[in-house]
Amino acid sequence: MKNLFGILCLFLVLSTIVFAEDTNKVIVETLTKTSLSWDGSELSAYPEGKPEVTILRITIPQGSELPMHKHLVINAGILLKGELTVITKENKTLHLKAGSSIVEVVDKWHYGKNEGEIPAEIIVFYAGVAGTPITIK
């Protein structure tokens, strides 16, 4: 019985060490990898010119609606908090919840609205060209 208790204790110590080592590992998770925007359209080629990356944190209050707009550059984001609905001029709709990623439509009119109970917070990465606007209203 002593031997069994010793083995059990050793097992618990070793599993704790393994668990502790696992929590210190870098974890890489692919959220999105695509050549299509969320509505199924193929993404356009990157434009010629000096590259410019813009990263925005956008907070949309509950009950708010963004104006109709379009992006001239490829952009992608991840919704950190809340909910967001994106609607194209053609009435294609995407519902996002916290943790969802999005590859946005390019050169298509659309808008977003927060129908949730809390502010929606999204980080968006734009891959453009210096001097070119990322959004047109």
Protein backbone atom coordinates (compact mmCIF):
# COMPACT_ATOMS: atom_id res chain seq x y z
CA MET A 1 0.00 0.00 0.00
CA LYS A 2 2.91 2.34 0.81
CA ASN A 3 4.34 1.61 -2.62
CA LEU A 4 1.02 2.36 -4.32
CA PHE A 5 0.73 5.67 -2.41
CA GLY A 6 4.28 6.57 -3.44
CA ILE A 7 3.56 5.79 -7.08
CA LEU A 8 0.37 7.86 -6.93
CA CYS A 9 2.25 10.81 -5.40
CA LEU A 10 4.98 10.51 -8.03
CA PHE A 11 2.33 10.44 -10.77
CA LEU A 12 0.66 13.59 -9.37
CA VAL A 13 3.99 15.44 -9.12
CA LEU A 14 5.00 14.45 -12.66
CA SER A 15 1.60 15.34 -14.13
CA THR A 16 1.77 18.72 -12.37
CA ILE A 17 5.22 19.36 -13.82
CA VAL A 18 4.05 18.37 -17.31
CA PHE A 19 0.96 20.58 -16.92
CA ALA A 20 3.13 23.50 -15.74
CA GLU A 21 5.46 23.00 -18.70
CA ASP A 22 2.50 22.92 -21.12
CA THR A 23 1.22 26.30 -19.86
CA ASN A 24 4.57 27.87 -20.77
CA LYS A 25 4.44 26.77 -24.42
CA VAL A 26 3.71 29.18 -27.23
CA ILE A 27 0.39 28.32 -28.87
CA VAL A 28 -0.28 29.35 -32.46
CA GLU A 29 -3.87 29.15 -33.66
CA THR A 30 -4.88 30.06 -37.22
CA LEU A 31 -8.05 32.14 -36.99
CA THR A 32 -8.44 32.68 -40.72
CA LYS A 33 -6.47 31.81 -43.84
CA THR A 34 -8.29 32.63 -47.08
CA SER A 35 -8.15 34.41 -50.41
CA LEU A 36 -11.88 35.22 -50.19
CA SER A 37 -13.76 37.93 -48.33
CA TRP A 38 -16.62 36.96 -46.00
CA ASP A 39 -19.19 37.23 -48.81
CA GLY A 40 -17.27 34.72 -50.98
CA SER A 41 -15.69 37.26 -53.34
CA GLU A 42 -12.06 36.78 -54.35
CA LEU A 43 -9.73 39.32 -52.80
CA SER A 44 -8.14 41.73 -55.26
CA ALA A 45 -4.39 41.79 -55.86
CA TYR A 46 -2.32 44.04 -53.66
CA PRO A 47 -1.85 47.42 -55.33
CA GLU A 48 1.53 48.69 -56.55
CA GLY A 49 3.31 51.27 -54.43
CA LYS A 50 4.88 51.74 -51.03
CA PRO A 51 3.14 49.37 -48.59
CA GLU A 52 1.35 50.87 -45.62
CA VAL A 53 -0.21 48.84 -42.82
CA THR A 54 -2.87 50.44 -40.62
CA ILE A 55 -4.22 48.79 -37.47
CA LEU A 56 -7.34 50.25 -35.89
CA ARG A 57 -9.22 49.46 -32.69
CA ILE A 58 -12.84 50.41 -33.38
CA THR A 59 -15.48 50.58 -30.65
CA ILE A 60 -19.11 50.68 -31.78
CA PRO A 61 -21.60 51.56 -29.02
CA GLN A 62 -24.61 49.29 -28.51
CA GLY A 63 -27.48 50.28 -30.77
CA SER A 64 -25.17 52.18 -33.16
CA GLU A 65 -24.99 51.82 -36.91
CA LEU A 66 -22.02 52.81 -39.06
CA PRO A 67 -22.64 54.76 -42.26
CA MET A 68 -22.53 52.98 -45.62
CA HIS A 69 -18.89 52.82 -46.72
CA LYS A 70 -16.36 50.79 -48.68
CA HIS A 71 -12.69 49.87 -48.27
CA LEU A 72 -10.19 50.24 -51.08
CA VAL A 73 -7.70 47.85 -49.51
CA ILE A 74 -7.69 44.32 -48.14
CA ASN A 75 -8.48 44.28 -44.44
CA ALA A 76 -9.20 41.71 -41.79
CA GLY A 77 -10.12 41.86 -38.15
CA ILE A 78 -11.15 40.07 -35.01
CA LEU A 79 -14.08 41.04 -32.84
CA LEU A 80 -12.79 41.24 -29.27
CA LYS A 81 -16.05 42.05 -27.47
CA GLY A 82 -19.74 42.22 -28.20
CA GLU A 83 -21.62 41.46 -31.40
CA LEU A 84 -21.54 43.03 -34.84
CA THR A 85 -23.64 42.59 -37.97
CA VAL A 86 -22.16 43.52 -41.36
CA ILE A 87 -24.53 44.09 -44.29
CA THR A 88 -23.65 44.74 -47.94
CA LYS A 89 -25.60 46.99 -50.32
CA GLU A 90 -26.80 43.72 -51.92
CA ASN A 91 -28.15 42.70 -48.49
CA LYS A 92 -25.63 39.91 -47.81
CA THR A 93 -25.30 39.66 -44.04
CA LEU A 94 -22.64 38.42 -41.63
CA HIS A 95 -23.18 38.13 -37.85
CA LEU A 96 -20.06 38.25 -35.67
CA LYS A 97 -19.71 37.39 -32.00
CA ALA A 98 -16.71 37.99 -29.74
CA GLY A 99 -13.77 35.91 -30.96
CA SER A 100 -14.99 35.82 -34.59
CA SER A 101 -12.60 36.84 -37.35
CA ILE A 102 -13.58 38.61 -40.55
CA VAL A 103 -11.93 39.18 -43.93
CA GLU A 104 -13.80 42.26 -45.07
CA VAL A 105 -15.26 42.93 -48.50
CA VAL A 106 -13.12 45.18 -50.72
CA ASP A 107 -14.54 47.91 -52.96
CA LYS A 108 -18.13 46.97 -52.01
CA TRP A 109 -20.56 49.23 -50.19
CA HIS A 110 -21.53 47.92 -46.76
CA TYR A 111 -22.19 49.00 -43.19
CA GLY A 112 -22.04 47.52 -39.72
CA LYS A 113 -24.37 47.73 -36.77
CA ASN A 114 -24.21 46.70 -33.16
CA GLU A 115 -27.46 45.03 -32.15
CA GLY A 116 -25.91 43.63 -28.96
CA GLU A 117 -26.16 44.70 -25.34
CA ILE A 118 -22.57 45.96 -24.95
CA PRO A 119 -20.16 48.01 -27.10
CA ALA A 120 -18.58 45.98 -29.90
CA GLU A 121 -14.80 46.23 -30.03
CA ILE A 122 -12.90 45.10 -33.12
CA ILE A 123 -9.25 45.28 -34.17
CA VAL A 124 -8.88 45.68 -37.95
CA PHE A 125 -5.67 45.33 -39.99
CA TYR A 126 -5.54 47.15 -43.35
CA ALA A 127 -2.89 46.29 -46.00
CA GLY A 128 -2.76 49.29 -48.27
CA VAL A 129 -0.50 51.72 -50.11
CA ALA A 130 0.84 54.94 -48.61
CA GLY A 131 -1.39 57.89 -49.50
CA THR A 132 -4.45 55.76 -50.37
CA PRO A 133 -7.48 56.06 -48.08
CA ILE A 134 -8.56 52.85 -46.37
CA THR A 135 -12.25 53.80 -46.21
CA ILE A 136 -14.59 55.90 -48.35
CA LYS A 137 -17.97 57.03 -47.03
